[in-house]
């Protein structure tokens, strides 16, 4: 992968969908990756309006959604054992590690994961 690609945590997608212009400018022109977990979290929200669902699906169509494979699964298991992170966070971090890409998030909990190229976003 190149320096123009990045993995997005769910909170970053939510900020983008809510119109965060600073974040949008930071990510402009980048190839965006996210996990199938993020897709599930976004579309699985209870009470999601059809308008919001359409907005999310449009955004997802502009990203590369990475499915869970054996390498990501094994990395996730290791991260859960070493870092005591929740399963969704382990999968998001493992996806970034597997793709050898930075992860952008507003969740400081990811900072306890070793060898993760982490960008902590503060608005």
C-alpha atoms as a PDB file:
ATOM      1  CA  UNK A   1       0.000   0.000   0.000  1.00  0.00           C
ATOM      2  CA  UNK A   2       1.090   3.580  -0.394  1.00  0.00           C
ATOM      3  CA  UNK A   3       1.156   6.713   1.753  1.00  0.00           C
ATOM      4  CA  UNK A   4      -2.114   7.831   0.245  1.00  0.00           C
ATOM      5  CA  UNK A   5      -4.205   5.104   1.884  1.00  0.00           C
ATOM      6  CA  UNK A   6      -5.683   4.890   5.367  1.00  0.00           C
ATOM      7  CA  UNK A   7      -7.992   2.727   7.487  1.00  0.00           C
ATOM      8  CA  UNK A   8     -10.951   4.512   9.100  1.00  0.00           C
ATOM      9  CA  UNK A   9     -12.411   3.643  12.478  1.00  0.00           C
ATOM     10  CA  UNK A  10     -16.192   3.836  12.810  1.00  0.00           C
ATOM     11  CA  UNK A  11     -16.081   7.109  14.745  1.00  0.00           C
ATOM     12  CA  UNK A  12     -14.170   8.778  11.910  1.00  0.00           C
ATOM     13  CA  UNK A  13     -16.821   7.713   9.396  1.00  0.00           C
ATOM     14  CA  UNK A  14     -19.522   9.135  11.663  1.00  0.00           C
ATOM     15  CA  UNK A  15     -17.673  12.469  11.877  1.00  0.00           C
ATOM     16  CA  UNK A  16     -17.359  12.554   8.095  1.00  0.00           C
ATOM     17  CA  UNK A  17     -21.037  11.729   7.606  1.00  0.00           C
ATOM     18  CA  UNK A  18     -21.915  14.521  10.024  1.00  0.00           C
ATOM     19  CA  UNK A  19     -19.977  17.056   7.967  1.00  0.00           C
ATOM     20  CA  UNK A  20     -16.626  17.404   9.755  1.00  0.00           C
ATOM     21  CA  UNK A  21     -14.854  19.670   7.235  1.00  0.00           C
ATOM     22  CA  UNK A  22     -11.451  19.542   8.950  1.00  0.00           C
ATOM     23  CA  UNK A  23     -11.436  15.751   8.766  1.00  0.00           C
ATOM     24  CA  UNK A  24     -12.741  15.786   5.211  1.00  0.00           C
ATOM     25  CA  UNK A  25      -9.846  18.043   4.184  1.00  0.00           C
ATOM     26  CA  UNK A  26      -7.313  15.749   5.892  1.00  0.00           C
ATOM     27  CA  UNK A  27      -8.634  12.676   4.046  1.00  0.00           C
ATOM     28  CA  UNK A  28      -9.270  14.383   0.695  1.00  0.00           C
ATOM     29  CA  UNK A  29      -7.746  12.384  -2.151  1.00  0.00           C
ATOM     30  CA  UNK A  30      -6.851   9.405   0.020  1.00  0.00           C
ATOM     31  CA  UNK A  31      -7.870   5.825  -0.641  1.00  0.00           C
ATOM     32  CA  UNK A  32     -10.136   4.914   2.276  1.00  0.00           C
ATOM     33  CA  UNK A  33     -10.327   1.449   3.789  1.00  0.00           C
ATOM     34  CA  UNK A  34     -12.616   0.192   6.507  1.00  0.00           C
ATOM     35  CA  UNK A  35     -13.500  -3.144   7.989  1.00  0.00           C
ATOM     36  CA  UNK A  36     -16.625  -5.175   7.582  1.00  0.00           C
ATOM     37  CA  UNK A  37     -17.092  -4.526  11.326  1.00  0.00           C
ATOM     38  CA  UNK A  38     -17.360  -0.796  10.642  1.00  0.00           C
ATOM     39  CA  UNK A  39     -19.879  -1.491   7.887  1.00  0.00           C
ATOM     40  CA  UNK A  40     -21.952  -3.583  10.312  1.00  0.00           C
ATOM     41  CA  UNK A  41     -21.730  -0.929  13.036  1.00  0.00           C
ATOM     42  CA  UNK A  42     -22.810   1.824  10.656  1.00  0.00           C
ATOM     43  CA  UNK A  43     -25.688   0.009   8.973  1.00  0.00           C
ATOM     44  CA  UNK A  44     -26.755  -1.950  12.053  1.00  0.00           C
ATOM     45  CA  UNK A  45     -27.647   1.090  14.126  1.00  0.00           C
ATOM     46  CA  UNK A  46     -31.154   0.678  15.571  1.00  0.00           C
ATOM     47  CA  UNK A  47     -33.631   3.199  14.246  1.00  0.00           C
ATOM     48  CA  UNK A  48     -31.542   4.204  11.239  1.00  0.00           C
ATOM     49  CA  UNK A  49     -33.636   6.281   8.839  1.00  0.00           C
ATOM     50  CA  UNK A  50     -33.798   5.314   5.170  1.00  0.00           C
ATOM     51  CA  UNK A  51     -32.134   8.646   4.323  1.00  0.00           C
ATOM     52  CA  UNK A  52     -29.226   7.943   6.694  1.00  0.00           C
ATOM     53  CA  UNK A  53     -28.950   4.388   5.381  1.00  0.00           C
ATOM     54  CA  UNK A  54     -28.680   5.716   1.819  1.00  0.00           C
ATOM     55  CA  UNK A  55     -26.058   8.261   2.905  1.00  0.00           C
ATOM     56  CA  UNK A  56     -24.007   5.531   4.601  1.00  0.00           C
ATOM     57  CA  UNK A  57     -24.271   3.180   1.614  1.00  0.00           C
ATOM     58  CA  UNK A  58     -23.132   5.954  -0.725  1.00  0.00           C
ATOM     59  CA  UNK A  59     -20.117   6.609   1.499  1.00  0.00           C
ATOM     60  CA  UNK A  60     -19.319   2.890   1.720  1.00  0.00           C
ATOM     61  CA  UNK A  61     -19.394   2.633  -2.072  1.00  0.00           C
ATOM     62  CA  UNK A  62     -16.483   5.087  -2.168  1.00  0.00           C
ATOM     63  CA  UNK A  63     -14.386   3.008   0.244  1.00  0.00           C
ATOM     64  CA  UNK A  64     -12.719  -0.373   0.141  1.00  0.00           C
ATOM     65  CA  UNK A  65     -14.438  -2.619   2.688  1.00  0.00           C
ATOM     66  CA  UNK A  66     -12.077  -5.319   3.932  1.00  0.00           C
ATOM     67  CA  UNK A  67     -13.600  -8.657   4.892  1.00  0.00           C
ATOM     68  CA  UNK A  68     -12.348 -10.802   7.725  1.00  0.00           C
ATOM     69  CA  UNK A  69      -9.738 -13.294   6.522  1.00  0.00           C
ATOM     70  CA  UNK A  70      -7.601 -15.811   8.413  1.00  0.00           C
ATOM     71  CA  UNK A  71      -4.643 -13.451   8.846  1.00  0.00           C
ATOM     72  CA  UNK A  72      -6.824 -10.652  10.241  1.00  0.00           C
ATOM     73  CA  UNK A  73      -8.623 -13.163  12.467  1.00  0.00           C
ATOM     74  CA  UNK A  74      -5.337 -14.492  13.875  1.00  0.00           C
ATOM     75  CA  UNK A  75      -3.977 -10.964  14.410  1.00  0.00           C
ATOM     76  CA  UNK A  76      -7.213 -10.041  16.195  1.00  0.00           C
ATOM     77  CA  UNK A  77      -6.905 -12.986  18.554  1.00  0.00           C
ATOM     78  CA  UNK A  78      -3.322 -12.013  19.379  1.00  0.00           C
ATOM     79  CA  UNK A  79      -4.286  -8.361  19.963  1.00  0.00           C
ATOM     80  CA  UNK A  80      -7.132  -9.349  22.285  1.00  0.00           C
ATOM     81  CA  UNK A  81      -4.718 -11.485  24.304  1.00  0.00           C
ATOM     82  CA  UNK A  82      -1.964  -8.851  24.482  1.00  0.00           C
ATOM     83  CA  UNK A  83      -3.860  -5.572  24.622  1.00  0.00           C
ATOM     84  CA  UNK A  84      -7.197  -6.494  26.205  1.00  0.00           C
ATOM     85  CA  UNK A  85      -9.177  -4.627  23.541  1.00  0.00           C
ATOM     86  CA  UNK A  86     -12.758  -5.323  22.541  1.00  0.00           C
ATOM     87  CA  UNK A  87     -13.308  -7.620  19.574  1.00  0.00           C
ATOM     88  CA  UNK A  88     -14.463  -4.901  17.116  1.00  0.00           C
ATOM     89  CA  UNK A  89     -11.425  -2.744  17.983  1.00  0.00           C
ATOM     90  CA  UNK A  90      -9.115  -5.746  17.626  1.00  0.00           C
ATOM     91  CA  UNK A  91     -10.511  -6.423  14.145  1.00  0.00           C
ATOM     92  CA  UNK A  92     -10.174  -2.767  13.090  1.00  0.00           C
ATOM     93  CA  UNK A  93      -6.574  -2.588  14.357  1.00  0.00           C
ATOM     94  CA  UNK A  94      -5.701  -5.977  12.843  1.00  0.00           C
ATOM     95  CA  UNK A  95      -7.031  -4.851   9.495  1.00  0.00           C
ATOM     96  CA  UNK A  96      -4.741  -1.803   9.575  1.00  0.00           C
ATOM     97  CA  UNK A  97      -1.792  -3.988  10.581  1.00  0.00           C
ATOM     98  CA  UNK A  98      -2.603  -6.564   7.894  1.00  0.00           C
ATOM     99  CA  UNK A  99      -2.838  -3.863   5.206  1.00  0.00           C
ATOM    100  CA  UNK A 100       0.237  -2.086   6.623  1.00  0.00           C
ATOM    101  CA  UNK A 101      -1.699   1.181   6.709  1.00  0.00           C
ATOM    102  CA  UNK A 102      -2.231   3.837   9.352  1.00  0.00           C
ATOM    103  CA  UNK A 103      -5.472   3.802  11.311  1.00  0.00           C
ATOM    104  CA  UNK A 104      -7.256   7.073  12.023  1.00  0.00           C
ATOM    105  CA  UNK A 105      -9.529   7.139  15.055  1.00  0.00           C
ATOM    106  CA  UNK A 106     -10.665   9.378  17.879  1.00  0.00           C
ATOM    107  CA  UNK A 107     -10.522   6.427  20.293  1.00  0.00           C
ATOM    108  CA  UNK A 108      -7.452   6.710  22.536  1.00  0.00           C
ATOM    109  CA  UNK A 109      -7.864   3.047  23.504  1.00  0.00           C
ATOM    110  CA  UNK A 110      -6.069   2.057  20.310  1.00  0.00           C
ATOM    111  CA  UNK A 111      -2.857   3.651  21.631  1.00  0.00           C
ATOM    112  CA  UNK A 112      -2.160   0.557  23.758  1.00  0.00           C
ATOM    113  CA  UNK A 113      -1.736  -1.593  20.638  1.00  0.00           C
ATOM    114  CA  UNK A 114       1.919  -2.101  19.744  1.00  0.00           C
ATOM    115  CA  UNK A 115       3.217  -1.538  16.215  1.00  0.00           C
ATOM    116  CA  UNK A 116      -0.001   0.150  15.096  1.00  0.00           C
ATOM    117  CA  UNK A 117       0.549   3.224  12.917  1.00  0.00           C
ATOM    118  CA  UNK A 118      -2.045   5.317  14.711  1.00  0.00           C
ATOM    119  CA  UNK A 119      -3.401   8.764  13.944  1.00  0.00           C
ATOM    120  CA  UNK A 120      -5.454  10.080  16.863  1.00  0.00           C
ATOM    121  CA  UNK A 121      -7.959  12.594  15.552  1.00  0.00           C
ATOM    122  CA  UNK A 122      -9.062  15.459  17.763  1.00  0.00           C
ATOM    123  CA  UNK A 123     -11.658  17.900  16.592  1.00  0.00           C
END
